[in-house]
Each structure stands twice: as structure tokens, then as C-alpha cells.
Amino acid sequence: MAASPRSSIHWSAYSPKLTAPASGSRQSPLFSFPLITAAEQAHVDVTHCTLIGDSLTDIEAAHAAGTTVIGYANKPHKAALFAEAGANTVTDAMHDIADALAAAQL
């Protein structure tokens, strides 16, 4: 289907220590705020992070935050939608994402 994610993913994994608020509305200019907050709390430049998202809102939030985004097309119709929205890569295989993260030696 779509290309596999890059193996040089910069990852700021969500952990219980990160207290970013729940996602905001797409109408709000701050809907990427949780991503930015999580990166700040992890002391990572958000532009060095990659968001893995399974919704159009996720793709848009990643772009608004200035980060790379992998569209996880967990339903067949999402692959074209995410590609059109400008996801850096789109995959329907979560194991490809896991392999890329493992290769990055997180």
C-alpha cells in the first residue's frame, strides 16, 4: 500500500509524566497545543518530533505544530485522505511504525 515510515523517526513518547490537555477543537487555533505541550515537557523541540495519527485532525495538528506526521490508515478510506492532507508518510501497518521506532533505538 503506502510507503513505510522512515527509520530516523524522532520520538517523544507519551508517558504518564506528560500532562498535556486533551485535544482541542479543529476550530480552535490551539488544537495542536497538546502536542506542543508534550514536546516542551519532554524538553524536545517539537520540530524534531513525529506524530502518529489516525485522524484528519491529527494530521492538521501536526502541521500546525510544525512536526512530521505519519498517517496511520486504520481504515481503507483514510490512506488517500491522509495523503491529500499532506501526511509525510501513510501506512496501514502498525508493525512498520513499531519497526521504525525499534530501529531508531529508543
C-alpha atoms as a PDB file:
ATOM      1  CA  MET A   1       0.000   0.000   0.000  1.00  0.00           C
ATOM      2  CA  ALA A   2       1.779   3.174   1.172  1.00  0.00           C
ATOM      3  CA  ALA A   3       5.421   3.720   1.962  1.00  0.00           C
ATOM      4  CA  SER A   4       6.776   2.594   5.304  1.00  0.00           C
ATOM      5  CA  PRO A   5       7.742   5.235   7.829  1.00  0.00           C
ATOM      6  CA  ARG A   6      11.304   6.499   7.890  1.00  0.00           C
ATOM      7  CA  SER A   7      13.669   4.714  10.241  1.00  0.00           C
ATOM      8  CA  SER A   8      15.039   8.015  11.558  1.00  0.00           C
ATOM      9  CA  ILE A   9      11.906   8.934  13.471  1.00  0.00           C
ATOM     10  CA  HIS A  10      12.449  11.358  16.332  1.00  0.00           C
ATOM     11  CA  TRP A  11      10.077  10.218  19.022  1.00  0.00           C
ATOM     12  CA  SER A  12       8.698  11.892  22.122  1.00  0.00           C
ATOM     13  CA  ALA A  13       6.656   9.068  23.573  1.00  0.00           C
ATOM     14  CA  TYR A  14       3.613   9.876  25.638  1.00  0.00           C
ATOM     15  CA  SER A  15       4.125   8.924  29.240  1.00  0.00           C
ATOM     16  CA  PRO A  16       2.152   9.477  32.447  1.00  0.00           C
ATOM     17  CA  LYS A  17       4.632  12.259  33.301  1.00  0.00           C
ATOM     18  CA  LEU A  18       3.345  14.340  30.404  1.00  0.00           C
ATOM     19  CA  THR A  19       0.235  16.226  31.359  1.00  0.00           C
ATOM     20  CA  ALA A  20      -0.830  17.773  28.072  1.00  0.00           C
ATOM     21  CA  PRO A  21      -4.527  18.646  27.970  1.00  0.00           C
ATOM     22  CA  ALA A  22      -6.974  16.724  25.808  1.00  0.00           C
ATOM     23  CA  SER A  23      -7.140  17.648  22.122  1.00  0.00           C
ATOM     24  CA  GLY A  24      -8.844  20.892  21.258  1.00  0.00           C
ATOM     25  CA  SER A  25     -11.360  21.614  18.583  1.00  0.00           C
ATOM     26  CA  ARG A  26     -10.352  21.905  14.929  1.00  0.00           C
ATOM     27  CA  GLN A  27     -11.943  25.350  15.038  1.00  0.00           C
ATOM     28  CA  SER A  28      -9.514  26.410  17.766  1.00  0.00           C
ATOM     29  CA  PRO A  29      -6.096  27.751  16.749  1.00  0.00           C
ATOM     30  CA  LEU A  30      -4.733  25.803  19.724  1.00  0.00           C
ATOM     31  CA  PHE A  31      -5.769  22.307  18.633  1.00  0.00           C
ATOM     32  CA  SER A  32      -2.063  21.431  18.300  1.00  0.00           C
ATOM     33  CA  PHE A  33      -1.389  22.648  21.854  1.00  0.00           C
ATOM     34  CA  PRO A  34      -1.252  19.163  23.466  1.00  0.00           C
ATOM     35  CA  LEU A  35       1.497  18.126  21.030  1.00  0.00           C
ATOM     36  CA  ILE A  36       3.484  21.281  21.694  1.00  0.00           C
ATOM     37  CA  THR A  37       2.996  20.943  25.460  1.00  0.00           C
ATOM     38  CA  ALA A  38       4.123  17.313  25.424  1.00  0.00           C
ATOM     39  CA  ALA A  39       7.268  18.223  23.478  1.00  0.00           C
ATOM     40  CA  GLU A  40       8.048  21.083  25.854  1.00  0.00           C
ATOM     41  CA  GLN A  41       7.579  18.863  28.907  1.00  0.00           C
ATOM     42  CA  ALA A  42       9.914  16.288  27.365  1.00  0.00           C
ATOM     43  CA  HIS A  43      12.426  19.098  26.589  1.00  0.00           C
ATOM     44  CA  VAL A  44      12.298  18.253  22.884  1.00  0.00           C
ATOM     45  CA  ASP A  45      11.906  20.702  20.027  1.00  0.00           C
ATOM     46  CA  VAL A  46       8.516  19.884  18.514  1.00  0.00           C
ATOM     47  CA  THR A  47      10.036  20.098  15.041  1.00  0.00           C
ATOM     48  CA  HIS A  48      12.147  17.051  15.972  1.00  0.00           C
ATOM     49  CA  CYS A  49       9.074  15.004  16.880  1.00  0.00           C
ATOM     50  CA  THR A  50       6.842  12.807  14.791  1.00  0.00           C
ATOM     51  CA  LEU A  51       3.158  12.467  15.469  1.00  0.00           C
ATOM     52  CA  ILE A  52       1.458   9.230  14.518  1.00  0.00           C
ATOM     53  CA  GLY A  53      -2.170   9.985  13.860  1.00  0.00           C
ATOM     54  CA  ASP A  54      -5.229   8.125  12.713  1.00  0.00           C
ATOM     55  CA  SER A  55      -7.481  11.109  12.040  1.00  0.00           C
ATOM     56  CA  LEU A  56      -7.502  14.132   9.782  1.00  0.00           C
ATOM     57  CA  THR A  57      -7.403  16.329  12.895  1.00  0.00           C
ATOM     58  CA  ASP A  58      -4.150  14.624  13.907  1.00  0.00           C
ATOM     59  CA  ILE A  59      -2.603  15.403  10.523  1.00  0.00           C
ATOM     60  CA  GLU A  60      -3.718  19.026  10.720  1.00  0.00           C
ATOM     61  CA  ALA A  61      -2.477  19.409  14.320  1.00  0.00           C
ATOM     62  CA  ALA A  62       0.950  18.063  13.392  1.00  0.00           C
ATOM     63  CA  HIS A  63       1.219  20.545  10.526  1.00  0.00           C
ATOM     64  CA  ALA A  64       0.088  23.404  12.771  1.00  0.00           C
ATOM     65  CA  ALA A  65       2.744  22.438  15.339  1.00  0.00           C
ATOM     66  CA  GLY A  66       5.460  22.155  12.689  1.00  0.00           C
ATOM     67  CA  THR A  67       6.190  18.481  13.216  1.00  0.00           C
ATOM     68  CA  THR A  68       6.410  15.461  10.944  1.00  0.00           C
ATOM     69  CA  VAL A  69       3.309  13.281  10.759  1.00  0.00           C
ATOM     70  CA  ILE A  70       2.729   9.637   9.923  1.00  0.00           C
ATOM     71  CA  GLY A  71      -0.837   8.922   8.917  1.00  0.00           C
ATOM     72  CA  TYR A  72      -1.929   5.552  10.289  1.00  0.00           C
ATOM     73  CA  ALA A  73      -4.701   4.485   7.923  1.00  0.00           C
ATOM     74  CA  ASN A  74      -6.546   2.056  10.156  1.00  0.00           C
ATOM     75  CA  LYS A  75      -9.471   2.103   7.706  1.00  0.00           C
ATOM     76  CA  PRO A  76      -9.142   1.766   3.914  1.00  0.00           C
ATOM     77  CA  HIS A  77     -10.581   5.190   3.016  1.00  0.00           C
ATOM     78  CA  LYS A  78      -8.098   7.038   5.249  1.00  0.00           C
ATOM     79  CA  ALA A  79      -4.957   6.454   3.151  1.00  0.00           C
ATOM     80  CA  ALA A  80      -5.994   8.800   0.343  1.00  0.00           C
ATOM     81  CA  LEU A  81      -7.420  11.322   2.809  1.00  0.00           C
ATOM     82  CA  PHE A  82      -4.154  11.496   4.777  1.00  0.00           C
ATOM     83  CA  ALA A  83      -2.028  11.700   1.634  1.00  0.00           C
ATOM     84  CA  GLU A  84      -4.182  14.546   0.332  1.00  0.00           C
ATOM     85  CA  ALA A  85      -3.874  16.321   3.706  1.00  0.00           C
ATOM     86  CA  GLY A  86      -0.085  16.197   3.384  1.00  0.00           C
ATOM     87  CA  ALA A  87       0.978  13.482   5.811  1.00  0.00           C
ATOM     88  CA  ASN A  88       4.712  12.888   5.425  1.00  0.00           C
ATOM     89  CA  THR A  89       4.016   9.205   5.010  1.00  0.00           C
ATOM     90  CA  VAL A  90       0.963   6.973   5.281  1.00  0.00           C
ATOM     91  CA  THR A  91       0.857   3.360   6.360  1.00  0.00           C
ATOM     92  CA  ASP A  92      -1.791   0.808   7.194  1.00  0.00           C
ATOM     93  CA  ALA A  93       0.654  -1.405   9.075  1.00  0.00           C
ATOM     94  CA  MET A  94       1.308  -0.579  12.711  1.00  0.00           C
ATOM     95  CA  HIS A  95       4.193  -3.068  12.699  1.00  0.00           C
ATOM     96  CA  ASP A  96       6.023  -0.819  10.191  1.00  0.00           C
ATOM     97  CA  ILE A  97       5.807   2.010  12.702  1.00  0.00           C
ATOM     98  CA  ALA A  98       6.988  -0.255  15.524  1.00  0.00           C
ATOM     99  CA  ASP A  99       9.901  -1.472  13.379  1.00  0.00           C
ATOM    100  CA  ALA A 100      10.924   2.111  12.569  1.00  0.00           C
ATOM    101  CA  LEU A 101      10.817   3.061  16.238  1.00  0.00           C
ATOM    102  CA  ALA A 102      12.834  -0.003  17.222  1.00  0.00           C
ATOM    103  CA  ALA A 103      15.406   0.794  14.527  1.00  0.00           C
ATOM    104  CA  ALA A 104      15.732   4.297  15.992  1.00  0.00           C
ATOM    105  CA  GLN A 105      16.856   2.580  19.224  1.00  0.00           C
ATOM    106  CA  LEU A 106      14.562   4.440  21.505  1.00  0.00           C
END
